[in-house]
Amino acid sequence: MYSIGDLSRRTGVKVPTIRYYEQMGLIAAPDRSEGNQRRYERAELERLAFIRHARDLGFPIEAIRELLALGRHPDEPCARADDIAREQLVEVRAKIARLQKLEQELERIASHCGNHTVGDCYVIRALSDHGLCDHEH
């Protein structure tokens, strides 16, 4: 049995986040000790590690909920899990493309500044006037 602190240390998930996951139904509400302390089983530790890894990969809560539900049926086809992963990949690639545009724009803005005075600073002007940007972001 694990306390919530043990679970937090072992998975790297903060205690308030563990409580949030309980409220969201991603992990089961644990049994309580006589002192009313939460007591988690090994299965919840593994489930929380799964959730943490999925969150690190950027999966939204609803996708994680669906993946957890799929995991309860080990003999079923995994096509839906593959679809969820592909959807996340599309989302990550879109984010990367947006970040690359932001990088280009910031590089362009920073390179236009001649290090004069703040009154002549292109960075300040560009941030004040979105029309000076090359791309929508």
C-alpha atoms as a PDB file:
ATOM      1  CA  MET A   1       0.000   0.000   0.000  1.00  0.00           C
ATOM      2  CA  TYR A   2       1.151   3.507  -0.812  1.00  0.00           C
ATOM      3  CA  SER A   3       0.306   6.840   0.741  1.00  0.00           C
ATOM      4  CA  ILE A   4      -0.448   9.736  -1.578  1.00  0.00           C
ATOM      5  CA  GLY A   5       3.019  11.114  -0.804  1.00  0.00           C
ATOM      6  CA  ASP A   6       4.618   7.797  -1.789  1.00  0.00           C
ATOM      7  CA  LEU A   7       2.629   7.780  -5.001  1.00  0.00           C
ATOM      8  CA  SER A   8       3.741  11.336  -5.728  1.00  0.00           C
ATOM      9  CA  ARG A   9       7.428  10.580  -5.134  1.00  0.00           C
ATOM     10  CA  ARG A  10       7.382   7.374  -7.165  1.00  0.00           C
ATOM     11  CA  THR A  11       5.586   8.852 -10.190  1.00  0.00           C
ATOM     12  CA  GLY A  12       6.630  12.507 -10.100  1.00  0.00           C
ATOM     13  CA  VAL A  13       2.969  13.565 -10.050  1.00  0.00           C
ATOM     14  CA  LYS A  14       2.182  16.268  -7.517  1.00  0.00           C
ATOM     15  CA  VAL A  15      -0.271  15.489  -4.733  1.00  0.00           C
ATOM     16  CA  PRO A  16      -2.900  18.039  -5.890  1.00  0.00           C
ATOM     17  CA  THR A  17      -2.738  16.518  -9.384  1.00  0.00           C
ATOM     18  CA  ILE A  18      -3.298  13.037  -7.958  1.00  0.00           C
ATOM     19  CA  ARG A  19      -6.381  14.340  -6.147  1.00  0.00           C
ATOM     20  CA  TYR A  20      -7.525  15.996  -9.391  1.00  0.00           C
ATOM     21  CA  TYR A  21      -7.144  12.697 -11.259  1.00  0.00           C
ATOM     22  CA  GLU A  22      -9.254  11.057  -8.576  1.00  0.00           C
ATOM     23  CA  GLN A  23     -11.967  13.693  -9.026  1.00  0.00           C
ATOM     24  CA  MET A  24     -11.820  13.198 -12.804  1.00  0.00           C
ATOM     25  CA  GLY A  25     -12.223   9.437 -12.357  1.00  0.00           C
ATOM     26  CA  LEU A  26      -8.861   8.611 -13.958  1.00  0.00           C
ATOM     27  CA  ILE A  27      -7.760   6.798 -10.828  1.00  0.00           C
ATOM     28  CA  ALA A  28     -10.072   5.186  -8.325  1.00  0.00           C
ATOM     29  CA  ALA A  29     -10.739   6.812  -4.987  1.00  0.00           C
ATOM     30  CA  PRO A  30      -8.527   4.833  -2.629  1.00  0.00           C
ATOM     31  CA  ASP A  31      -9.364   3.069   0.582  1.00  0.00           C
ATOM     32  CA  ARG A  32      -8.612   5.033   3.728  1.00  0.00           C
ATOM     33  CA  SER A  33      -6.581   4.017   6.749  1.00  0.00           C
ATOM     34  CA  GLU A  34      -7.960   4.266  10.264  1.00  0.00           C
ATOM     35  CA  GLY A  35      -6.328   7.705  10.390  1.00  0.00           C
ATOM     36  CA  ASN A  36      -8.251   8.641   7.192  1.00  0.00           C
ATOM     37  CA  GLN A  37      -5.071   8.582   5.086  1.00  0.00           C
ATOM     38  CA  ARG A  38      -5.413   7.562   1.442  1.00  0.00           C
ATOM     39  CA  ARG A  39      -3.968   4.105   0.722  1.00  0.00           C
ATOM     40  CA  TYR A  40      -3.241   3.131  -2.869  1.00  0.00           C
ATOM     41  CA  GLU A  41      -2.621  -0.299  -4.388  1.00  0.00           C
ATOM     42  CA  ARG A  42       0.158  -1.144  -6.863  1.00  0.00           C
ATOM     43  CA  ALA A  43      -2.391  -1.012  -9.714  1.00  0.00           C
ATOM     44  CA  GLU A  44      -3.075   2.664  -8.985  1.00  0.00           C
ATOM     45  CA  LEU A  45       0.658   3.388  -8.952  1.00  0.00           C
ATOM     46  CA  GLU A  46       0.966   1.788 -12.390  1.00  0.00           C
ATOM     47  CA  ARG A  47      -2.132   3.589 -13.649  1.00  0.00           C
ATOM     48  CA  LEU A  48      -0.786   6.921 -12.424  1.00  0.00           C
ATOM     49  CA  ALA A  49       2.569   6.230 -14.108  1.00  0.00           C
ATOM     50  CA  PHE A  50       0.653   5.538 -17.347  1.00  0.00           C
ATOM     51  CA  ILE A  51      -1.267   8.806 -16.991  1.00  0.00           C
ATOM     52  CA  ARG A  52       1.931  10.745 -16.264  1.00  0.00           C
ATOM     53  CA  HIS A  53       3.663   9.325 -19.329  1.00  0.00           C
ATOM     54  CA  ALA A  54       0.640  10.036 -21.532  1.00  0.00           C
ATOM     55  CA  ARG A  55       0.474  13.629 -20.210  1.00  0.00           C
ATOM     56  CA  ASP A  56       4.209  14.032 -20.874  1.00  0.00           C
ATOM     57  CA  LEU A  57       3.462  13.064 -24.481  1.00  0.00           C
ATOM     58  CA  GLY A  58       0.747  15.724 -24.574  1.00  0.00           C
ATOM     59  CA  PHE A  59      -2.314  13.493 -24.634  1.00  0.00           C
ATOM     60  CA  PRO A  60      -5.438  15.296 -23.452  1.00  0.00           C
ATOM     61  CA  ILE A  61      -7.375  13.933 -20.481  1.00  0.00           C
ATOM     62  CA  GLU A  62     -10.208  12.559 -22.628  1.00  0.00           C
ATOM     63  CA  ALA A  63      -7.771  10.604 -24.806  1.00  0.00           C
ATOM     64  CA  ILE A  64      -6.118   9.210 -21.678  1.00  0.00           C
ATOM     65  CA  ARG A  65      -9.515   8.235 -20.310  1.00  0.00           C
ATOM     66  CA  GLU A  66     -10.257   6.372 -23.536  1.00  0.00           C
ATOM     67  CA  LEU A  67      -6.841   4.679 -23.582  1.00  0.00           C
ATOM     68  CA  LEU A  68      -7.312   3.550 -20.002  1.00  0.00           C
ATOM     69  CA  ALA A  69     -10.716   2.123 -20.906  1.00  0.00           C
ATOM     70  CA  LEU A  70      -9.198   0.310 -23.884  1.00  0.00           C
ATOM     71  CA  GLY A  71      -6.491  -1.098 -21.616  1.00  0.00           C
ATOM     72  CA  ARG A  72      -9.137  -2.930 -19.615  1.00  0.00           C
ATOM     73  CA  HIS A  73      -9.829  -5.140 -22.655  1.00  0.00           C
ATOM     74  CA  PRO A  74      -6.463  -6.725 -23.534  1.00  0.00           C
ATOM     75  CA  ASP A  75      -7.935  -9.140 -26.096  1.00  0.00           C
ATOM     76  CA  GLU A  76      -9.648  -6.443 -28.172  1.00  0.00           C
ATOM     77  CA  PRO A  77      -8.081  -4.993 -31.356  1.00  0.00           C
ATOM     78  CA  CYS A  78      -5.886  -1.977 -30.763  1.00  0.00           C
ATOM     79  CA  ALA A  79      -7.017   0.040 -33.802  1.00  0.00           C
ATOM     80  CA  ARG A  80      -8.653   2.730 -31.665  1.00  0.00           C
ATOM     81  CA  ALA A  81      -5.495   3.130 -29.548  1.00  0.00           C
ATOM     82  CA  ASP A  82      -3.502   3.510 -32.776  1.00  0.00           C
ATOM     83  CA  ASP A  83      -5.979   6.133 -33.962  1.00  0.00           C
ATOM     84  CA  ILE A  84      -5.659   8.072 -30.705  1.00  0.00           C
ATOM     85  CA  ALA A  85      -1.856   8.035 -30.982  1.00  0.00           C
ATOM     86  CA  ARG A  86      -2.022   9.187 -34.617  1.00  0.00           C
ATOM     87  CA  GLU A  87      -4.398  12.014 -33.671  1.00  0.00           C
ATOM     88  CA  GLN A  88      -1.921  13.121 -31.010  1.00  0.00           C
ATOM     89  CA  LEU A  89       0.916  12.965 -33.527  1.00  0.00           C
ATOM     90  CA  VAL A  90      -1.032  15.254 -35.875  1.00  0.00           C
ATOM     91  CA  GLU A  91      -1.605  17.645 -32.991  1.00  0.00           C
ATOM     92  CA  VAL A  92       2.083  17.625 -32.009  1.00  0.00           C
ATOM     93  CA  ARG A  93       3.165  18.276 -35.585  1.00  0.00           C
ATOM     94  CA  ALA A  94       0.753  21.212 -35.805  1.00  0.00           C
ATOM     95  CA  LYS A  95       2.188  22.629 -32.576  1.00  0.00           C
ATOM     96  CA  ILE A  96       5.713  22.210 -33.906  1.00  0.00           C
ATOM     97  CA  ALA A  97       4.763  24.079 -37.090  1.00  0.00           C
ATOM     98  CA  ARG A  98       3.261  26.920 -34.996  1.00  0.00           C
ATOM     99  CA  LEU A  99       6.362  27.051 -32.812  1.00  0.00           C
ATOM    100  CA  GLN A 100       8.621  27.157 -35.869  1.00  0.00           C
ATOM    101  CA  LYS A 101       6.647  30.143 -37.187  1.00  0.00           C
ATOM    102  CA  LEU A 102       6.963  31.817 -33.797  1.00  0.00           C
ATOM    103  CA  GLU A 103      10.697  31.128 -33.797  1.00  0.00           C
ATOM    104  CA  GLN A 104      11.091  32.672 -37.255  1.00  0.00           C
ATOM    105  CA  GLU A 105       9.063  35.719 -36.290  1.00  0.00           C
ATOM    106  CA  LEU A 106      10.951  36.277 -33.052  1.00  0.00           C
ATOM    107  CA  GLU A 107      14.265  35.876 -34.859  1.00  0.00           C
ATOM    108  CA  ARG A 108      13.161  38.403 -37.486  1.00  0.00           C
ATOM    109  CA  ILE A 109      11.948  40.906 -34.897  1.00  0.00           C
ATOM    110  CA  ALA A 110      15.084  40.572 -32.770  1.00  0.00           C
ATOM    111  CA  SER A 111      17.386  40.951 -35.782  1.00  0.00           C
ATOM    112  CA  HIS A 112      15.704  44.235 -36.820  1.00  0.00           C
ATOM    113  CA  CYS A 113      16.559  45.976 -33.601  1.00  0.00           C
ATOM    114  CA  GLY A 114      19.682  48.127 -33.856  1.00  0.00           C
ATOM    115  CA  ASN A 115      20.243  48.367 -30.102  1.00  0.00           C
ATOM    116  CA  HIS A 116      19.483  52.063 -30.082  1.00  0.00           C
ATOM    117  CA  THR A 117      17.052  53.487 -27.548  1.00  0.00           C
ATOM    118  CA  VAL A 118      13.796  51.969 -26.367  1.00  0.00           C
ATOM    119  CA  GLY A 119      11.987  54.717 -28.298  1.00  0.00           C
ATOM    120  CA  ASP A 120      13.527  53.362 -31.531  1.00  0.00           C
ATOM    121  CA  CYS A 121      13.336  49.684 -30.566  1.00  0.00           C
ATOM    122  CA  TYR A 122      11.854  47.503 -33.298  1.00  0.00           C
ATOM    123  CA  VAL A 123      10.985  44.772 -30.775  1.00  0.00           C
ATOM    124  CA  ILE A 124       8.786  47.190 -28.822  1.00  0.00           C
ATOM    125  CA  ARG A 125       7.189  48.550 -32.020  1.00  0.00           C
ATOM    126  CA  ALA A 126       6.528  45.054 -33.440  1.00  0.00           C
ATOM    127  CA  LEU A 127       4.914  43.906 -30.212  1.00  0.00           C
ATOM    128  CA  SER A 128       2.752  47.023 -30.210  1.00  0.00           C
ATOM    129  CA  ASP A 129       1.730  46.669 -33.872  1.00  0.00           C
ATOM    130  CA  HIS A 130       0.830  43.165 -35.035  1.00  0.00           C
ATOM    131  CA  GLY A 131       0.857  44.501 -38.606  1.00  0.00           C
ATOM    132  CA  LEU A 132       4.665  44.564 -38.490  1.00  0.00           C
ATOM    133  CA  CYS A 133       4.744  40.760 -38.189  1.00  0.00           C
ATOM    134  CA  ASP A 134       5.378  38.636 -41.265  1.00  0.00           C
ATOM    135  CA  HIS A 135       3.135  35.760 -40.152  1.00  0.00           C
ATOM    136  CA  GLU A 136      -0.082  35.191 -38.253  1.00  0.00           C
ATOM    137  CA  HIS A 137       0.639  33.581 -34.915  1.00  0.00           C
END
